[in-house]
Amino acid sequence: CQDTGASRSGWKKIWDDNYSKHNDWIIKAYSIFKKNNKNIKPVLLLSDYGNDVLQTKILIKSLKLCDDVIWLPKLPRKELLEIILICDVGIGEFYKTPRTMWGGAGLEIISCGKPLINSFNFKKGEFFSLFGHNPPDICEANSIKTLYFWMNKLANSLEFKKRVGKNNEVWFRKYAGLG
């Protein structure tokens, strides 16, 4: 299953495209993924939270994905972590603004040792110069096409998915956890 964590739906009613979370990319890439991977039966978990939930549900219906989506209510972080632990991949948000990282749910996905598909708008070496260490092993996506690419790669390479997840868990413990 894929998880958008606590990510609120925020893509339709945004005043500036740079500040959109582009949650619609997840649905559109997922639709392409489903069409091209008929042997895989994924489930997309989405949070029923945010200004654009209705528009997201309309998009899902138009793409005939209603049976492939489970809507989660807004949950306490502890319960969200339990759900993330049973997911294979976490999908975050896709801001276009420079130096925008992952949100709280993205960090929780990383902490659980899961691959995270998310935007990552840092120039080469910029993250290191700001924080003094390399970023986690994020599957960087800044378009529907790259989001689909990562969905496909992670679903079709168990070894790659495990390696990215383990790298993220190690990174979290060293740079964002107790260490």
Protein backbone atom coordinates (compact mmCIF):
# COMPACT_ATOMS: atom_id res chain seq x y z
CA CYS A 1 0.00 0.00 0.00
CA GLN A 2 1.06 3.56 -0.45
CA ASP A 3 0.48 6.20 2.19
CA THR A 4 0.25 9.95 2.01
CA GLY A 5 0.45 10.09 5.79
CA ALA A 6 -1.26 13.00 7.44
CA SER A 7 -0.88 15.06 4.30
CA ARG A 8 -3.84 17.29 3.94
CA SER A 9 -5.27 17.56 0.49
CA GLY A 10 -4.19 20.95 -0.83
CA TRP A 11 -3.87 21.33 -4.58
CA LYS A 12 -6.98 22.81 -6.18
CA LYS A 13 -7.77 25.96 -4.19
CA ILE A 14 -4.20 27.24 -3.97
CA TRP A 15 -3.51 30.82 -5.06
CA ASP A 16 -0.04 30.05 -6.43
CA ASP A 17 1.13 26.84 -8.11
CA ASN A 18 4.44 27.01 -6.20
CA TYR A 19 2.58 26.52 -2.92
CA SER A 20 0.39 23.64 -4.08
CA LYS A 21 1.07 20.25 -2.54
CA HIS A 22 0.11 18.78 -5.94
CA ASN A 23 -1.78 15.91 -4.30
CA ASP A 24 -3.52 15.41 -7.65
CA TRP A 25 -0.19 14.17 -9.05
CA ILE A 26 -0.43 11.21 -6.69
CA ILE A 27 -3.84 10.22 -8.07
CA LYS A 28 -2.83 10.76 -11.70
CA ALA A 29 0.46 8.86 -11.36
CA TYR A 30 -1.32 6.09 -9.46
CA SER A 31 -3.83 5.77 -12.30
CA ILE A 32 -0.99 5.31 -14.80
CA PHE A 33 0.71 2.87 -12.44
CA LYS A 34 -2.45 0.75 -12.13
CA LYS A 35 -2.92 0.60 -15.91
CA ASN A 36 0.69 -0.49 -16.48
CA ASN A 37 0.93 -2.97 -13.58
CA LYS A 38 -2.17 -5.13 -13.78
CA ASN A 39 -0.42 -7.95 -11.88
CA ILE A 40 0.04 -5.73 -8.80
CA LYS A 41 -2.92 -4.98 -6.51
CA PRO A 42 -1.88 -1.87 -4.58
CA VAL A 43 -4.10 0.16 -2.30
CA LEU A 44 -3.75 3.91 -1.95
CA LEU A 45 -4.36 5.27 1.55
CA LEU A 46 -5.41 8.91 1.63
CA SER A 47 -6.22 11.21 4.49
CA ASP A 48 -9.78 12.55 4.45
CA TYR A 49 -8.48 15.91 5.55
CA GLY A 50 -7.87 19.25 3.87
CA ASN A 51 -9.48 21.88 1.70
CA ASP A 52 -9.46 19.81 -1.45
CA VAL A 53 -10.76 16.42 -0.33
CA LEU A 54 -13.93 16.82 -2.40
CA GLN A 55 -11.94 17.68 -5.55
CA THR A 56 -9.65 14.73 -4.86
CA LYS A 57 -12.63 12.38 -4.56
CA ILE A 58 -14.04 13.74 -7.84
CA LEU A 59 -10.69 13.13 -9.55
CA ILE A 60 -10.51 9.59 -8.15
CA LYS A 61 -14.02 8.87 -9.38
CA SER A 62 -13.27 10.27 -12.85
CA LEU A 63 -10.24 7.96 -13.11
CA LYS A 64 -12.28 4.97 -11.87
CA LEU A 65 -10.05 4.40 -8.85
CA CYS A 66 -12.68 4.38 -6.09
CA ASP A 67 -12.14 0.68 -5.34
CA ASP A 68 -8.39 1.23 -5.02
CA VAL A 69 -8.48 3.95 -2.36
CA ILE A 70 -9.02 3.75 1.39
CA TRP A 71 -9.89 7.03 3.05
CA LEU A 72 -8.49 7.49 6.54
CA PRO A 73 -9.92 9.99 9.00
CA LYS A 74 -7.60 12.57 10.51
CA LEU A 75 -5.68 10.50 13.07
CA PRO A 76 -3.41 11.12 16.05
CA ARG A 77 0.26 10.81 15.10
CA LYS A 78 0.71 7.58 17.08
CA GLU A 79 -2.02 5.85 15.06
CA LEU A 80 -0.63 7.27 11.85
CA LEU A 81 2.77 5.77 12.63
CA GLU A 82 1.16 2.36 13.11
CA ILE A 83 -0.39 2.64 9.64
CA ILE A 84 2.86 3.82 8.06
CA LEU A 85 4.59 0.75 9.49
CA ILE A 86 2.38 -1.58 7.44
CA CYS A 87 2.77 0.39 4.22
CA ASP A 88 5.42 -0.30 1.62
CA VAL A 89 5.98 3.24 0.37
CA GLY A 90 5.14 6.71 1.60
CA ILE A 91 4.22 9.55 -0.70
CA GLY A 92 4.59 13.09 0.53
CA GLU A 93 4.03 16.43 -1.08
CA PHE A 94 5.29 18.16 -4.18
CA TYR A 95 5.93 21.83 -3.57
CA LYS A 96 7.83 23.73 -6.24
CA THR A 97 9.38 26.30 -3.91
CA PRO A 98 13.18 26.18 -3.40
CA ARG A 99 14.60 24.42 -0.33
CA THR A 100 11.27 22.85 0.58
CA MET A 101 11.65 19.44 2.18
CA TRP A 102 9.17 16.91 3.50
CA GLY A 103 6.44 17.63 6.02
CA GLY A 104 5.86 15.90 9.35
CA ALA A 105 4.35 12.83 7.72
CA GLY A 106 7.37 12.60 5.41
CA LEU A 107 9.73 12.57 8.36
CA GLU A 108 7.58 9.90 10.01
CA ILE A 109 7.74 7.79 6.83
CA ILE A 110 11.54 8.10 6.84
CA SER A 111 11.66 7.24 10.56
CA CYS A 112 9.74 4.02 9.88
CA GLY A 113 12.35 2.90 7.36
CA LYS A 114 10.10 3.35 4.35
CA PRO A 115 10.93 4.85 0.98
CA LEU A 116 9.56 8.37 0.59
CA ILE A 117 8.51 9.81 -2.77
CA ASN A 118 8.55 13.58 -2.33
CA SER A 119 9.71 16.77 -3.99
CA PHE A 120 13.19 17.88 -3.01
CA ASN A 121 14.12 21.27 -4.39
CA PHE A 122 17.73 21.75 -3.38
CA LYS A 123 20.57 22.55 -5.74
CA LYS A 124 23.52 20.14 -5.77
CA GLY A 125 25.35 20.37 -2.43
CA GLU A 126 22.91 22.93 -1.01
CA PHE A 127 21.35 20.60 1.58
CA PHE A 128 24.81 19.62 2.86
CA SER A 129 25.95 23.24 3.09
CA LEU A 130 22.84 24.14 5.10
CA PHE A 131 22.66 21.12 7.42
CA GLY A 132 26.19 19.66 7.46
CA HIS A 133 25.16 16.21 6.23
CA ASN A 134 23.58 14.57 3.23
CA PRO A 135 19.80 14.30 2.88
CA PRO A 136 17.92 11.03 3.32
CA ASP A 137 17.48 8.69 0.38
CA ILE A 138 14.41 10.42 -1.07
CA CYS A 139 12.84 9.31 -4.32
CA GLU A 140 12.70 12.82 -5.72
CA ALA A 141 9.61 13.56 -7.79
CA ASN A 142 8.76 16.94 -9.24
CA SER A 143 6.17 15.85 -11.81
CA ILE A 144 3.53 13.19 -12.47
CA LYS A 145 6.03 11.44 -14.73
CA THR A 146 8.75 11.16 -12.06
CA LEU A 147 6.19 10.20 -9.41
CA TYR A 148 5.00 7.36 -11.65
CA PHE A 149 8.63 6.35 -12.30
CA TRP A 150 9.28 5.91 -8.57
CA MET A 151 5.98 4.09 -7.95
CA ASN A 152 6.90 1.67 -10.70
CA LYS A 153 10.53 1.19 -9.62
CA LEU A 154 9.66 0.66 -5.95
CA ALA A 155 6.83 -1.76 -6.75
CA ASN A 156 8.92 -3.82 -9.13
CA SER A 157 12.20 -4.03 -7.21
CA LEU A 158 11.86 -5.41 -3.70
CA GLU A 159 15.62 -5.19 -3.19
CA PHE A 160 15.70 -1.49 -4.17
CA LYS A 161 12.69 -0.71 -1.98
CA LYS A 162 14.27 -2.41 1.04
CA ARG A 163 17.61 -0.66 0.48
CA VAL A 164 16.03 2.80 0.25
CA GLY A 165 13.90 2.13 3.33
CA LYS A 166 16.89 0.92 5.35
CA ASN A 167 18.96 3.93 4.23
CA ASN A 168 16.17 6.21 5.44
CA GLU A 169 15.91 4.49 8.80
CA VAL A 170 19.67 4.78 9.34
CA TRP A 171 19.60 8.46 8.25
CA PHE A 172 16.74 9.22 10.65
CA ARG A 173 18.45 7.60 13.62
CA LYS A 174 21.67 9.49 12.92
CA TYR A 175 20.36 12.94 12.00
CA ALA A 176 16.77 13.35 13.14
CA GLY A 177 16.18 10.76 15.86
CA LEU A 178 17.71 10.28 19.27
CA GLY A 179 21.24 10.16 17.82
